[in-house]
C-alpha cells in the first residue's frame, strides 16, 4: 500500500467516525426534545387548570352576596 492511499484511508475513517458521532448526538438531542414537548404540554394543561381555579376564587371573593353576609356577620 502506498503512503498516499494510507493517508486517504485514515482521513476517510476519521471523517466517517465524526459523522457517525454527530448523527448519534443529533438523535439523542431529538429524543430529549420529544420528552421536553411532553413536559411543555403537561405544564400548559396545568396552567390552564390553575387559571380556571383562580378565576373561580376571584368570583367567590368579589361576590356581593358574600360581602354583604360578611358585613352582617361582623355586626352581629
N, C-alpha and C. Protein backbone atom coordinates (compact mmCIF):
# COMPACT_ATOMS: atom_id res chain seq x y z
N UNK A 1 0.86 -1.17 0.00
CA UNK A 1 0.00 0.00 0.00
C UNK A 1 0.90 1.23 0.00
N UNK A 2 0.57 2.12 -0.85
CA UNK A 2 1.41 3.32 -0.98
C UNK A 2 1.00 4.34 0.09
N UNK A 3 1.88 5.22 0.54
CA UNK A 3 1.60 6.17 1.63
C UNK A 3 0.41 7.09 1.34
N UNK A 4 0.23 7.47 0.08
CA UNK A 4 -0.89 8.33 -0.26
C UNK A 4 -2.21 7.63 0.01
N UNK A 5 -2.32 6.38 -0.37
CA UNK A 5 -3.54 5.62 -0.11
C UNK A 5 -3.79 5.47 1.39
N UNK A 6 -2.73 5.26 2.14
CA UNK A 6 -2.86 5.12 3.58
C UNK A 6 -3.39 6.41 4.21
N UNK A 7 -2.89 7.56 3.76
CA UNK A 7 -3.35 8.85 4.28
C UNK A 7 -4.82 9.05 3.94
N UNK A 8 -5.21 8.73 2.72
CA UNK A 8 -6.60 8.89 2.29
C UNK A 8 -7.52 7.99 3.13
N UNK A 9 -7.12 6.77 3.38
CA UNK A 9 -7.93 5.84 4.17
C UNK A 9 -8.06 6.35 5.60
N UNK A 10 -6.98 6.83 6.19
CA UNK A 10 -7.03 7.36 7.56
C UNK A 10 -7.97 8.55 7.64
N UNK A 11 -7.88 9.45 6.66
CA UNK A 11 -8.76 10.63 6.64
C UNK A 11 -10.22 10.20 6.50
N UNK A 12 -10.49 9.25 5.61
CA UNK A 12 -11.86 8.77 5.44
C UNK A 12 -12.41 8.14 6.72
N UNK A 13 -11.59 7.37 7.40
CA UNK A 13 -12.02 6.75 8.65
C UNK A 13 -12.31 7.82 9.70
N UNK A 14 -11.45 8.82 9.80
CA UNK A 14 -11.64 9.88 10.79
C UNK A 14 -12.91 10.68 10.48
N UNK A 15 -13.12 11.02 9.22
CA UNK A 15 -14.30 11.81 8.84
C UNK A 15 -15.57 11.00 9.06
N UNK A 16 -15.57 9.73 8.68
CA UNK A 16 -16.77 8.92 8.86
C UNK A 16 -17.07 8.71 10.35
N UNK A 17 -16.05 8.57 11.18
CA UNK A 17 -16.28 8.44 12.62
C UNK A 17 -16.91 9.70 13.18
N UNK A 18 -16.46 10.85 12.73
CA UNK A 18 -17.02 12.12 13.20
C UNK A 18 -18.48 12.26 12.74
N UNK A 19 -18.78 11.85 11.52
CA UNK A 19 -20.16 11.92 11.01
C UNK A 19 -21.07 11.02 11.84
N UNK A 20 -20.62 9.83 12.13
CA UNK A 20 -21.43 8.90 12.93
C UNK A 20 -21.64 9.47 14.33
N UNK A 21 -20.60 10.04 14.93
CA UNK A 21 -20.72 10.63 16.26
C UNK A 21 -21.73 11.78 16.26
N UNK A 22 -21.67 12.64 15.25
CA UNK A 22 -22.61 13.76 15.14
C UNK A 22 -24.04 13.26 14.95
N UNK A 23 -24.21 12.21 14.15
CA UNK A 23 -25.53 11.63 13.93
C UNK A 23 -26.12 11.10 15.23
N UNK A 24 -25.32 10.38 15.99
CA UNK A 24 -25.79 9.83 17.26
C UNK A 24 -26.13 10.95 18.25
N UNK A 25 -25.33 12.00 18.27
CA UNK A 25 -25.59 13.12 19.17
C UNK A 25 -26.89 13.83 18.76
N UNK A 26 -27.11 14.01 17.46
CA UNK A 26 -28.33 14.66 16.98
C UNK A 26 -29.56 13.82 17.33
N UNK A 27 -29.45 12.51 17.20
CA UNK A 27 -30.55 11.62 17.53
C UNK A 27 -30.88 11.70 19.02
N UNK A 28 -29.87 11.78 19.86
CA UNK A 28 -30.07 11.91 21.31
C UNK A 28 -30.76 13.22 21.65
N UNK A 29 -30.37 14.30 21.00
CA UNK A 29 -30.98 15.61 21.25
C UNK A 29 -32.44 15.60 20.82
N UNK A 30 -32.75 14.96 19.71
CA UNK A 30 -34.14 14.88 19.25
C UNK A 30 -35.00 14.10 20.24
N UNK A 31 -34.46 13.04 20.80
CA UNK A 31 -35.22 12.26 21.79
C UNK A 31 -35.45 13.09 23.05
N UNK A 32 -34.46 13.85 23.46
CA UNK A 32 -34.61 14.72 24.63
C UNK A 32 -35.64 15.80 24.34
N UNK A 33 -35.67 16.31 23.11
CA UNK A 33 -36.65 17.32 22.72
C UNK A 33 -38.07 16.78 22.75
N UNK A 34 -38.25 15.52 22.41
CA UNK A 34 -39.58 14.92 22.44
C UNK A 34 -40.09 14.85 23.87
N UNK A 35 -39.22 14.51 24.81
CA UNK A 35 -39.63 14.48 26.21
C UNK A 35 -39.97 15.89 26.68
N UNK A 36 -39.23 16.86 26.22
CA UNK A 36 -39.48 18.23 26.60
C UNK A 36 -40.84 18.69 26.06
N UNK A 37 -41.20 18.29 24.87
CA UNK A 37 -42.51 18.65 24.30
C UNK A 37 -43.64 18.08 25.15
N UNK A 38 -43.47 16.87 25.64
CA UNK A 38 -44.48 16.28 26.51
C UNK A 38 -44.60 17.08 27.80
N UNK A 39 -43.45 17.48 28.35
CA UNK A 39 -43.46 18.27 29.58
C UNK A 39 -44.14 19.61 29.36
N UNK A 40 -43.88 20.23 28.23
CA UNK A 40 -44.50 21.53 27.93
C UNK A 40 -46.01 21.38 27.81
N UNK A 41 -46.47 20.34 27.15
CA UNK A 41 -47.91 20.12 27.01
C UNK A 41 -48.56 19.89 28.37
N UNK A 42 -47.89 19.13 29.24
CA UNK A 42 -48.43 18.88 30.58
C UNK A 42 -48.47 20.18 31.38
N UNK A 43 -47.42 20.98 31.28
CA UNK A 43 -47.40 22.25 32.01
C UNK A 43 -48.46 23.21 31.50
N UNK A 44 -48.69 23.24 30.20
CA UNK A 44 -49.72 24.12 29.64
C UNK A 44 -51.11 23.71 30.15
N UNK A 45 -51.36 22.42 30.24
CA UNK A 45 -52.66 21.99 30.76
C UNK A 45 -52.78 22.33 32.24
N UNK A 46 -51.69 22.19 32.99
CA UNK A 46 -51.72 22.57 34.41
C UNK A 46 -51.98 24.06 34.57
N UNK A 47 -51.35 24.88 33.75
CA UNK A 47 -51.55 26.33 33.82
C UNK A 47 -52.99 26.69 33.50
N UNK A 48 -53.56 26.06 32.49
CA UNK A 48 -54.95 26.35 32.13
C UNK A 48 -55.88 25.97 33.28
N UNK A 49 -55.63 24.83 33.91
CA UNK A 49 -56.45 24.39 35.04
C UNK A 49 -56.31 25.36 36.22
N UNK A 50 -55.09 25.81 36.49
CA UNK A 50 -54.88 26.75 37.59
C UNK A 50 -55.51 28.11 37.32
N UNK A 51 -55.47 28.55 36.06
CA UNK A 51 -56.12 29.82 35.72
C UNK A 51 -57.63 29.73 35.97
N UNK A 52 -58.22 28.60 35.63
CA UNK A 52 -59.65 28.41 35.86
C UNK A 52 -59.95 28.44 37.36
N UNK A 53 -59.11 27.81 38.16
CA UNK A 53 -59.32 27.83 39.61
C UNK A 53 -59.20 29.24 40.18
N UNK A 54 -58.22 30.00 39.70
CA UNK A 54 -58.06 31.38 40.16
C UNK A 54 -59.28 32.20 39.77
N UNK A 55 -59.79 31.98 38.58
CA UNK A 55 -60.99 32.70 38.13
C UNK A 55 -62.16 32.42 39.06
N UNK A 56 -62.35 31.15 39.43
CA UNK A 56 -63.44 30.79 40.34
C UNK A 56 -63.23 31.44 41.71
N UNK A 57 -62.01 31.42 42.22
CA UNK A 57 -61.74 32.04 43.51
C UNK A 57 -61.98 33.55 43.48
N UNK A 58 -61.59 34.20 42.38
CA UNK A 58 -61.84 35.63 42.25
C UNK A 58 -63.34 35.92 42.25
N UNK A 59 -64.09 35.06 41.58
CA UNK A 59 -65.54 35.24 41.54
C UNK A 59 -66.14 35.10 42.93
N UNK A 60 -65.65 34.14 43.70
CA UNK A 60 -66.15 33.93 45.05
C UNK A 60 -65.82 35.13 45.94
N UNK A 61 -64.61 35.64 45.84
CA UNK A 61 -64.18 36.74 46.71
C UNK A 61 -64.89 38.04 46.36
N UNK A 62 -65.16 38.27 45.11
CA UNK A 62 -65.79 39.52 44.71
C UNK A 62 -67.31 39.44 44.66
N UNK A 63 -67.88 38.34 45.10
CA UNK A 63 -69.32 38.16 45.11
C UNK A 63 -69.96 39.12 46.12
N UNK A 64 -70.94 39.90 45.66
CA UNK A 64 -71.59 40.91 46.52
C UNK A 64 -72.36 40.27 47.67
N UNK A 65 -73.03 39.14 47.43
CA UNK A 65 -73.78 38.48 48.50
C UNK A 65 -72.84 38.02 49.61
N UNK A 66 -71.68 37.55 49.25
CA UNK A 66 -70.70 37.12 50.25
C UNK A 66 -70.21 38.31 51.06
N UNK A 67 -69.95 39.42 50.39
CA UNK A 67 -69.50 40.61 51.10
C UNK A 67 -70.58 41.11 52.05
N UNK A 68 -71.82 41.08 51.61
CA UNK A 68 -72.93 41.52 52.46
C UNK A 68 -73.07 40.59 53.67
N UNK A 69 -72.98 39.29 53.46
CA UNK A 69 -73.07 38.33 54.55
C UNK A 69 -71.93 38.54 55.54
N UNK A 70 -70.75 38.86 55.04
CA UNK A 70 -69.60 39.12 55.92
C UNK A 70 -69.83 40.37 56.77
N UNK A 71 -70.38 41.41 56.16
CA UNK A 71 -70.65 42.65 56.92
C UNK A 71 -71.71 42.40 57.98
N UNK A 72 -72.75 41.63 57.68
CA UNK A 72 -73.81 41.32 58.64
C UNK A 72 -73.23 40.50 59.79
N UNK A 73 -72.37 39.55 59.46
CA UNK A 73 -71.76 38.71 60.49
C UNK A 73 -70.88 39.55 61.42
N UNK A 74 -70.19 40.54 60.88
CA UNK A 74 -69.36 41.42 61.70
C UNK A 74 -70.22 42.27 62.65
N UNK A 75 -71.39 42.66 62.20
CA UNK A 75 -72.27 43.48 63.05
C UNK A 75 -72.91 42.70 64.17
N UNK A 76 -73.10 41.41 63.98
CA UNK A 76 -73.80 40.59 64.98
C UNK A 76 -72.97 40.28 66.17
